[in-house]
Amino acid sequence: MAPDEVFLGDLCPVTSVYQRFYEFQYHPTDCNIRLEVLPEDRLLFVSKIIFKSKFSDLEASIPVACAVP
C-alpha cells in the first residue's frame, strides 16, 4: 500500500515514510484522536488507521489505542 492510501483518524496523512513502516506524527488533539482518562492516572488515546485504495472502491479501517501512564 502506498503512503497516500493510509490515514490516521479523520484522514490525516502519513507524515514520514521509512523502509518498513509509515509514521503519523500529530498532536493528540488532532485527527479526531479521542482521549480517555483511566484509573491510576493513565491516559488512553484512541483512533483508527484508514486504508483507501487509489485503484478501487476498497476501504478498510483498523482501530488503534495507546495507554500512557
PDB file of N, CA and C in Angstrom:
ATOM      1  N   MET A   1       0.835  -1.167   0.000  1.00  0.00           N
ATOM      2  CA  MET A   1       0.000   0.000   0.000  1.00  0.00           C
ATOM      3  C   MET A   1       0.887   1.239   0.000  1.00  0.00           C
ATOM      4  N   ALA A   2       0.457   2.231  -0.693  1.00  0.00           N
ATOM      5  CA  ALA A   2       1.229   3.471  -0.826  1.00  0.00           C
ATOM      6  C   ALA A   2       0.920   4.421   0.333  1.00  0.00           C
ATOM      7  N   PRO A   3       1.855   5.312   0.672  1.00  0.00           N
ATOM      8  CA  PRO A   3       1.622   6.216   1.799  1.00  0.00           C
ATOM      9  C   PRO A   3       0.430   7.150   1.598  1.00  0.00           C
ATOM     10  N   ASP A   4       0.058   7.422   0.352  1.00  0.00           N
ATOM     11  CA  ASP A   4      -1.104   8.291   0.125  1.00  0.00           C
ATOM     12  C   ASP A   4      -2.425   7.530   0.145  1.00  0.00           C
ATOM     13  N   GLU A   5      -2.386   6.250   0.559  1.00  0.00           N
ATOM     14  CA  GLU A   5      -3.598   5.450   0.715  1.00  0.00           C
ATOM     15  C   GLU A   5      -3.919   5.173   2.185  1.00  0.00           C
ATOM     16  N   VAL A   6      -3.082   5.657   3.095  1.00  0.00           N
ATOM     17  CA  VAL A   6      -3.225   5.340   4.520  1.00  0.00           C
ATOM     18  C   VAL A   6      -3.356   6.639   5.307  1.00  0.00           C
ATOM     19  N   PHE A   7      -4.293   6.646   6.252  1.00  0.00           N
ATOM     20  CA  PHE A   7      -4.583   7.859   7.017  1.00  0.00           C
ATOM     21  C   PHE A   7      -4.817   7.515   8.478  1.00  0.00           C
ATOM     22  N   LEU A   8      -4.619   8.517   9.333  1.00  0.00           N
ATOM     23  CA  LEU A   8      -4.909   8.387  10.753  1.00  0.00           C
ATOM     24  C   LEU A   8      -6.173   9.175  11.060  1.00  0.00           C
ATOM     25  N   GLY A   9      -7.079   8.563  11.809  1.00  0.00           N
ATOM     26  CA  GLY A   9      -8.280   9.267  12.270  1.00  0.00           C
ATOM     27  C   GLY A   9      -9.100   9.841  11.140  1.00  0.00           C
ATOM     28  N   ASP A  10      -9.346  11.145  11.197  1.00  0.00           N
ATOM     29  CA  ASP A  10     -10.191  11.763  10.163  1.00  0.00           C
ATOM     30  C   ASP A  10      -9.353  12.227   8.971  1.00  0.00           C
ATOM     31  N   LEU A  11      -8.677  11.283   8.374  1.00  0.00           N
ATOM     32  CA  LEU A  11      -7.938  11.462   7.120  1.00  0.00           C
ATOM     33  C   LEU A  11      -6.680  12.311   7.230  1.00  0.00           C
ATOM     34  N   CYS A  12      -5.956  12.203   8.335  1.00  0.00           N
ATOM     35  CA  CYS A  12      -4.642  12.838   8.460  1.00  0.00           C
ATOM     36  C   CYS A  12      -3.614  11.963   7.748  1.00  0.00           C
ATOM     37  N   PRO A  13      -2.860  12.521   6.799  1.00  0.00           N
ATOM     38  CA  PRO A  13      -1.937  11.706   6.002  1.00  0.00           C
ATOM     39  C   PRO A  13      -0.691  11.273   6.770  1.00  0.00           C
ATOM     40  N   VAL A  14       0.009  10.319   6.180  1.00  0.00           N
ATOM     41  CA  VAL A  14       1.302   9.851   6.689  1.00  0.00           C
ATOM     42  C   VAL A  14       2.253  11.043   6.754  1.00  0.00           C
ATOM     43  N   THR A  15       3.028  11.153   7.831  1.00  0.00           N
ATOM     44  CA  THR A  15       3.968  12.273   7.964  1.00  0.00           C
ATOM     45  C   THR A  15       5.399  11.892   7.587  1.00  0.00           C
ATOM     46  N   SER A  16       5.767  10.607   7.737  1.00  0.00           N
ATOM     47  CA  SER A  16       7.113  10.150   7.364  1.00  0.00           C
ATOM     48  C   SER A  16       7.023   8.743   6.794  1.00  0.00           C
ATOM     49  N   VAL A  17       7.869   8.474   5.812  1.00  0.00           N
ATOM     50  CA  VAL A  17       7.907   7.160   5.167  1.00  0.00           C
ATOM     51  C   VAL A  17       9.277   6.550   5.419  1.00  0.00           C
ATOM     52  N   TYR A  18       9.288   5.330   5.927  1.00  0.00           N
ATOM     53  CA  TYR A  18      10.519   4.580   6.184  1.00  0.00           C
ATOM     54  C   TYR A  18      10.466   3.284   5.379  1.00  0.00           C
ATOM     55  N   GLN A  19      11.546   2.554   5.371  1.00  0.00           N
ATOM     56  CA  GLN A  19      11.612   1.349   4.554  1.00  0.00           C
ATOM     57  C   GLN A  19      10.558   0.312   4.941  1.00  0.00           C
ATOM     58  N   ARG A  20      10.281   0.153   6.228  1.00  0.00           N
ATOM     59  CA  ARG A  20       9.359  -0.894   6.667  1.00  0.00           C
ATOM     60  C   ARG A  20       8.098  -0.388   7.341  1.00  0.00           C
ATOM     61  N   PHE A  21       7.945   0.930   7.490  1.00  0.00           N
ATOM     62  CA  PHE A  21       6.731   1.437   8.144  1.00  0.00           C
ATOM     63  C   PHE A  21       6.481   2.894   7.778  1.00  0.00           C
ATOM     64  N   TYR A  22       5.257   3.317   8.057  1.00  0.00           N
ATOM     65  CA  TYR A  22       4.854   4.712   7.901  1.00  0.00           C
ATOM     66  C   TYR A  22       4.660   5.301   9.292  1.00  0.00           C
ATOM     67  N   GLU A  23       4.875   6.597   9.409  1.00  0.00           N
ATOM     68  CA  GLU A  23       4.725   7.258  10.702  1.00  0.00           C
ATOM     69  C   GLU A  23       3.662   8.349  10.604  1.00  0.00           C
ATOM     70  N   PHE A  24       2.851   8.429  11.647  1.00  0.00           N
ATOM     71  CA  PHE A  24       1.883   9.505  11.806  1.00  0.00           C
ATOM     72  C   PHE A  24       2.320  10.294  13.032  1.00  0.00           C
ATOM     73  N   GLN A  25       2.726  11.528  12.855  1.00  0.00           N
ATOM     74  CA  GLN A  25       3.169  12.327  13.986  1.00  0.00           C
ATOM     75  C   GLN A  25       2.261  13.551  14.088  1.00  0.00           C
ATOM     76  N   TYR A  26       1.307  13.452  15.013  1.00  0.00           N
ATOM     77  CA  TYR A  26       0.321  14.509  15.211  1.00  0.00           C
ATOM     78  C   TYR A  26       0.131  14.768  16.697  1.00  0.00           C
ATOM     79  N   HIS A  27      -0.338  15.954  17.005  1.00  0.00           N
ATOM     80  CA  HIS A  27      -0.681  16.297  18.377  1.00  0.00           C
ATOM     81  C   HIS A  27      -1.906  15.463  18.779  1.00  0.00           C
ATOM     82  N   PRO A  28      -1.990  15.039  20.034  1.00  0.00           N
ATOM     83  CA  PRO A  28      -3.117  14.194  20.467  1.00  0.00           C
ATOM     84  C   PRO A  28      -4.498  14.830  20.305  1.00  0.00           C
ATOM     85  N   THR A  29      -4.565  16.128  20.069  1.00  0.00           N
ATOM     86  CA  THR A  29      -5.878  16.745  19.852  1.00  0.00           C
ATOM     87  C   THR A  29      -6.215  16.855  18.364  1.00  0.00           C
ATOM     88  N   ASP A  30      -5.326  16.417  17.485  1.00  0.00           N
ATOM     89  CA  ASP A  30      -5.563  16.457  16.035  1.00  0.00           C
ATOM     90  C   ASP A  30      -6.188  15.146  15.553  1.00  0.00           C
ATOM     91  N   CYS A  31      -6.648  15.154  14.338  1.00  0.00           N
ATOM     92  CA  CYS A  31      -7.070  13.944  13.616  1.00  0.00           C
ATOM     93  C   CYS A  31      -8.239  13.210  14.276  1.00  0.00           C
ATOM     94  N   ASN A  32      -8.994  13.883  15.110  1.00  0.00           N
ATOM     95  CA  ASN A  32     -10.125  13.260  15.802  1.00  0.00           C
ATOM     96  C   ASN A  32      -9.681  12.126  16.730  1.00  0.00           C
ATOM     97  N   ILE A  33      -8.489  12.259  17.304  1.00  0.00           N
ATOM     98  CA  ILE A  33      -7.999  11.291  18.289  1.00  0.00           C
ATOM     99  C   ILE A  33      -8.776  11.527  19.581  1.00  0.00           C
ATOM    100  N   ARG A  34      -9.307  10.458  20.152  1.00  0.00           N
ATOM    101  CA  ARG A  34     -10.057  10.562  21.407  1.00  0.00           C
ATOM    102  C   ARG A  34      -9.129  10.301  22.582  1.00  0.00           C
ATOM    103  N   LEU A  35      -9.352  11.019  23.653  1.00  0.00           N
ATOM    104  CA  LEU A  35      -8.567  10.848  24.872  1.00  0.00           C
ATOM    105  C   LEU A  35      -9.501  10.417  25.992  1.00  0.00           C
ATOM    106  N   GLU A  36      -9.129   9.336  26.680  1.00  0.00           N
ATOM    107  CA  GLU A  36      -9.897   8.857  27.824  1.00  0.00           C
ATOM    108  C   GLU A  36      -8.969   8.798  29.030  1.00  0.00           C
ATOM    109  N   VAL A  37      -9.483   9.197  30.176  1.00  0.00           N
ATOM    110  CA  VAL A  37      -8.722   9.114  31.417  1.00  0.00           C
ATOM    111  C   VAL A  37      -9.099   7.803  32.103  1.00  0.00           C
ATOM    112  N   LEU A  38      -8.085   6.992  32.391  1.00  0.00           N
ATOM    113  CA  LEU A  38      -8.287   5.695  33.023  1.00  0.00           C
ATOM    114  C   LEU A  38      -7.903   5.763  34.498  1.00  0.00           C
ATOM    115  N   PRO A  39      -8.294   4.760  35.268  1.00  0.00           N
ATOM    116  CA  PRO A  39      -7.867   4.718  36.671  1.00  0.00           C
ATOM    117  C   PRO A  39      -6.338   4.706  36.790  1.00  0.00           C
ATOM    118  N   GLU A  40      -5.866   5.093  37.959  1.00  0.00           N
ATOM    119  CA  GLU A  40      -4.444   5.114  38.265  1.00  0.00           C
ATOM    120  C   GLU A  40      -3.672   6.109  37.388  1.00  0.00           C
ATOM    121  N   ASP A  41      -4.312   7.226  37.049  1.00  0.00           N
ATOM    122  CA  ASP A  41      -3.671   8.304  36.284  1.00  0.00           C
ATOM    123  C   ASP A  41      -3.090   7.855  34.950  1.00  0.00           C
ATOM    124  N   ARG A  42      -3.802   7.002  34.251  1.00  0.00           N
ATOM    125  CA  ARG A  42      -3.380   6.573  32.920  1.00  0.00           C
ATOM    126  C   ARG A  42      -4.243   7.269  31.875  1.00  0.00           C
ATOM    127  N   LEU A  43      -3.657   7.518  30.716  1.00  0.00           N
ATOM    128  CA  LEU A  43      -4.378   8.107  29.599  1.00  0.00           C
ATOM    129  C   LEU A  43      -4.485   7.083  28.481  1.00  0.00           C
ATOM    130  N   LEU A  44      -5.613   7.076  27.797  1.00  0.00           N
ATOM    131  CA  LEU A  44      -5.817   6.186  26.667  1.00  0.00           C
ATOM    132  C   LEU A  44      -6.124   7.028  25.438  1.00  0.00           C
ATOM    133  N   PHE A  45      -5.287   6.918  24.427  1.00  0.00           N
ATOM    134  CA  PHE A  45      -5.504   7.594  23.157  1.00  0.00           C
ATOM    135  C   PHE A  45      -6.102   6.581  22.197  1.00  0.00           C
ATOM    136  N   VAL A  46      -7.214   6.931  21.557  1.00  0.00           N
ATOM    137  CA  VAL A  46      -7.942   6.008  20.695  1.00  0.00           C
ATOM    138  C   VAL A  46      -8.167   6.658  19.338  1.00  0.00           C
ATOM    139  N   SER A  47      -7.886   5.909  18.274  1.00  0.00           N
ATOM    140  CA  SER A  47      -8.094   6.403  16.917  1.00  0.00           C
ATOM    141  C   SER A  47      -8.288   5.208  15.987  1.00  0.00           C
ATOM    142  N   LYS A  48      -8.030   5.422  14.706  1.00  0.00           N
ATOM    143  CA  LYS A  48      -8.080   4.329  13.735  1.00  0.00           C
ATOM    144  C   LYS A  48      -7.159   4.649  12.568  1.00  0.00           C
ATOM    145  N   ILE A  49      -6.663   3.602  11.944  1.00  0.00           N
ATOM    146  CA  ILE A  49      -5.887   3.711  10.711  1.00  0.00           C
ATOM    147  C   ILE A  49      -6.849   3.368   9.578  1.00  0.00           C
ATOM    148  N   ILE A  50      -6.901   4.229   8.575  1.00  0.00           N
ATOM    149  CA  ILE A  50      -7.825   4.043   7.455  1.00  0.00           C
ATOM    150  C   ILE A  50      -7.024   3.778   6.186  1.00  0.00           C
ATOM    151  N   PHE A  51      -7.446   2.766   5.433  1.00  0.00           N
ATOM    152  CA  PHE A  51      -6.866   2.472   4.126  1.00  0.00           C
ATOM    153  C   PHE A  51      -7.908   2.802   3.071  1.00  0.00           C
ATOM    154  N   LYS A  52      -7.520   3.623   2.067  1.00  0.00           N
ATOM    155  CA  LYS A  52      -8.387   3.957   0.939  1.00  0.00           C
ATOM    156  C   LYS A  52      -7.609   3.683  -0.334  1.00  0.00           C
ATOM    157  N   SER A  53      -7.995   2.653  -1.061  1.00  0.00           N
ATOM    158  CA  SER A  53      -7.297   2.268  -2.279  1.00  0.00           C
ATOM    159  C   SER A  53      -7.421   3.344  -3.351  1.00  0.00           C
ATOM    160  N   LYS A  54      -6.319   3.584  -4.060  1.00  0.00           N
ATOM    161  CA  LYS A  54      -6.329   4.514  -5.191  1.00  0.00           C
ATOM    162  C   LYS A  54      -6.908   3.860  -6.440  1.00  0.00           C
ATOM    163  N   PHE A  55      -6.949   2.525  -6.447  1.00  0.00           N
ATOM    164  CA  PHE A  55      -7.287   1.813  -7.669  1.00  0.00           C
ATOM    165  C   PHE A  55      -8.657   1.151  -7.640  1.00  0.00           C
ATOM    166  N   SER A  56      -9.361   1.233  -6.511  1.00  0.00           N
ATOM    167  CA  SER A  56     -10.688   0.649  -6.410  1.00  0.00           C
ATOM    168  C   SER A  56     -11.467   1.380  -5.319  1.00  0.00           C
ATOM    169  N   ASP A  57     -12.673   0.895  -5.065  1.00  0.00           N
ATOM    170  CA  ASP A  57     -13.502   1.485  -4.006  1.00  0.00           C
ATOM    171  C   ASP A  57     -13.216   0.859  -2.644  1.00  0.00           C
ATOM    172  N   LEU A  58     -12.185   0.043  -2.555  1.00  0.00           N
ATOM    173  CA  LEU A  58     -11.866  -0.658  -1.309  1.00  0.00           C
ATOM    174  C   LEU A  58     -11.430   0.324  -0.225  1.00  0.00           C
ATOM    175  N   GLU A  59     -12.063   0.192   0.932  1.00  0.00           N
ATOM    176  CA  GLU A  59     -11.693   0.945   2.121  1.00  0.00           C
ATOM    177  C   GLU A  59     -11.721   0.005   3.313  1.00  0.00           C
ATOM    178  N   ALA A  60     -10.820   0.239   4.266  1.00  0.00           N
ATOM    179  CA  ALA A  60     -10.789  -0.572   5.479  1.00  0.00           C
ATOM    180  C   ALA A  60     -10.253   0.300   6.612  1.00  0.00           C
ATOM    181  N   SER A  61     -10.613  -0.073   7.844  1.00  0.00           N
ATOM    182  CA  SER A  61     -10.076   0.661   8.973  1.00  0.00           C
ATOM    183  C   SER A  61      -9.710  -0.317  10.082  1.00  0.00           C
ATOM    184  N   ILE A  62      -8.695   0.055  10.853  1.00  0.00           N
ATOM    185  CA  ILE A  62      -8.214  -0.747  11.974  1.00  0.00           C
ATOM    186  C   ILE A  62      -8.198   0.155  13.203  1.00  0.00           C
ATOM    187  N   PRO A  63      -8.878  -0.232  14.272  1.00  0.00           N
ATOM    188  CA  PRO A  63      -8.812   0.590  15.482  1.00  0.00           C
ATOM    189  C   PRO A  63      -7.420   0.488  16.114  1.00  0.00           C
ATOM    190  N   VAL A  64      -6.949   1.604  16.670  1.00  0.00           N
ATOM    191  CA  VAL A  64      -5.664   1.642  17.373  1.00  0.00           C
ATOM    192  C   VAL A  64      -5.840   2.382  18.696  1.00  0.00           C
ATOM    193  N   ALA A  65      -5.076   1.964  19.701  1.00  0.00           N
ATOM    194  CA  ALA A  65      -5.143   2.607  21.008  1.00  0.00           C
ATOM    195  C   ALA A  65      -3.766   2.544  21.642  1.00  0.00           C
ATOM    196  N   CYS A  66      -3.501   3.516  22.499  1.00  0.00           N
ATOM    197  CA  CYS A  66      -2.235   3.571  23.215  1.00  0.00           C
ATOM    198  C   CYS A  66      -2.502   4.051  24.626  1.00  0.00           C
ATOM    199  N   ALA A  67      -2.107   3.247  25.646  1.00  0.00           N
ATOM    200  CA  ALA A  67      -2.259   3.637  27.036  1.00  0.00           C
ATOM    201  C   ALA A  67      -0.938   4.195  27.546  1.00  0.00           C
ATOM    202  N   VAL A  68      -1.006   5.339  28.229  1.00  0.00           N
ATOM    203  CA  VAL A  68       0.188   6.027  28.713  1.00  0.00           C
ATOM    204  C   VAL A  68       0.055   6.243  30.215  1.00  0.00           C
ATOM    205  N   PRO A  69       1.079   5.846  31.000  1.00  0.00           N
ATOM    206  CA  PRO A  69       0.997   6.071  32.450  1.00  0.00           C
ATOM    207  C   PRO A  69       1.109   7.553  32.793  1.00  0.00           C
TER     208      PRO A  69
END
